[in-house]
Protein backbone atom coordinates (compact mmCIF):
# COMPACT_ATOMS: atom_id res chain seq x y z
CA MET A 1 -53.77 -25.85 -24.49
CA MET A 2 -50.60 -27.46 -25.83
CA PHE A 3 -51.12 -25.64 -29.13
CA TYR A 4 -51.22 -22.28 -27.32
CA SER A 5 -48.09 -23.22 -25.42
CA LEU A 6 -46.33 -24.03 -28.68
CA ILE A 7 -47.40 -20.71 -30.18
CA PHE A 8 -46.14 -18.75 -27.16
CA PHE A 9 -42.86 -20.69 -27.20
CA VAL A 10 -42.26 -20.12 -30.91
CA VAL A 11 -43.10 -16.41 -30.67
CA GLY A 12 -40.86 -15.97 -27.64
CA LEU A 13 -37.98 -17.95 -29.10
CA PHE A 14 -38.02 -16.28 -32.52
CA SER A 15 -38.37 -12.82 -31.04
CA ALA A 16 -35.48 -13.53 -28.66
CA LEU A 17 -33.26 -14.85 -31.44
CA PHE A 18 -34.05 -12.51 -34.31
CA PHE A 19 -35.92 -9.42 -33.14
CA SER A 20 -34.22 -8.57 -29.83
CA LEU A 21 -32.66 -5.24 -30.59
CA THR A 22 -33.06 -3.86 -27.08
CA VAL A 23 -33.18 -5.23 -23.56
CA LEU A 24 -36.87 -4.41 -23.35
CA MET A 25 -37.72 -6.57 -26.37
CA TYR A 26 -35.59 -9.39 -24.97
CA LEU A 27 -37.45 -9.29 -21.65
CA ILE A 28 -40.80 -9.38 -23.44
CA SER A 29 -39.71 -12.50 -25.33
CA ILE A 30 -38.64 -14.09 -22.02
CA GLU A 31 -42.14 -13.37 -20.74
CA PHE A 32 -43.60 -15.34 -23.67
CA LEU A 33 -41.27 -18.23 -22.86
CA VAL A 34 -42.39 -18.21 -19.21
CA ILE A 35 -46.05 -18.30 -20.27
CA SER A 36 -45.36 -21.27 -22.56
CA LEU A 37 -43.58 -23.13 -19.76
CA VAL A 38 -46.49 -22.59 -17.38
CA LEU A 39 -48.98 -23.78 -20.00
CA VAL A 40 -46.95 -26.96 -20.54
CA LEU A 41 -46.99 -27.58 -16.79
CA PHE A 42 -50.76 -27.11 -16.76
CA VAL A 43 -51.16 -29.69 -19.52
CA CYS A 44 -48.81 -32.24 -17.92
CA TYR A 45 -49.95 -31.94 -14.33
CA GLY A 46 -53.51 -30.66 -14.69
CA TYR A 47 -55.02 -33.60 -12.82
CA ASN A 48 -53.56 -32.44 -9.50
CA SER A 49 -55.48 -29.41 -8.23
CA LEU A 50 -52.88 -28.53 -5.59
CA PHE A 51 -50.12 -28.43 -8.19
CA GLU A 52 -52.39 -26.39 -10.45
CA PHE A 53 -52.92 -23.83 -7.69
CA PHE A 54 -49.19 -23.70 -6.91
CA THR A 55 -48.32 -23.26 -10.59
CA PHE A 56 -50.84 -20.44 -10.89
CA LEU A 57 -49.29 -18.65 -7.91
CA VAL A 58 -45.80 -19.07 -9.35
CA MET A 59 -47.00 -17.74 -12.72
CA VAL A 60 -48.55 -14.68 -11.10
CA VAL A 61 -45.35 -13.91 -9.20
CA LEU A 62 -43.16 -14.43 -12.28
CA GLU A 63 -45.39 -12.26 -14.45
CA SER A 64 -45.44 -9.46 -11.89
CA VAL A 65 -41.66 -9.59 -11.44
CA LEU A 66 -41.07 -9.55 -15.20
CA GLY A 67 -43.55 -6.69 -15.56
CA LEU A 68 -41.77 -4.67 -12.89
CA VAL A 69 -38.41 -5.35 -14.52
CA LEU A 70 -39.82 -4.24 -17.88
CA MET A 71 -41.13 -1.01 -16.37
CA LEU A 72 -37.83 -0.39 -14.59
CA VAL A 73 -35.86 -0.87 -17.81
CA LEU A 74 -38.26 1.39 -19.68
CA VAL A 75 -38.02 4.16 -17.09
CA SER A 76 -34.23 3.93 -16.90
CA ALA A 77 -33.94 3.90 -20.70
CA SER A 78 -36.26 6.85 -21.25
CA GLY A 79 -34.85 8.87 -18.36
CA SER A 80 -38.19 10.04 -17.03
CA ASP A 81 -40.76 8.68 -14.64
CA PHE A 82 -43.62 9.55 -16.98
CA MET A 83 -44.62 6.57 -19.08
CA SER A 84 -47.16 6.74 -21.84
CA PHE A 85 -48.77 3.82 -23.62
CA SER A 86 -46.91 4.65 -26.82
CA ASP A 87 -43.59 4.06 -25.01
CA VAL A 88 -44.61 0.51 -24.16
CA ILE A 89 -45.49 -0.34 -27.76
């Protein structure tokens, strides 16, 4: 689990530092950093089931908020409400 957290952190950090040409790419790299932080919390405090449940709820809320922000930025950048899968990639 810690290995996956390290991979997500490295991918998020390098994409934020070197490959962030637009706001959308920067927000995606922040999402990777949030996932790595949640995975580190799972590894450190995995013995407490209440904390695990609370961390899962926080992760779900953070992921949904970041996803909505990404969609909002994409719609405002493209100028239309129609979003295709090729726009996301």
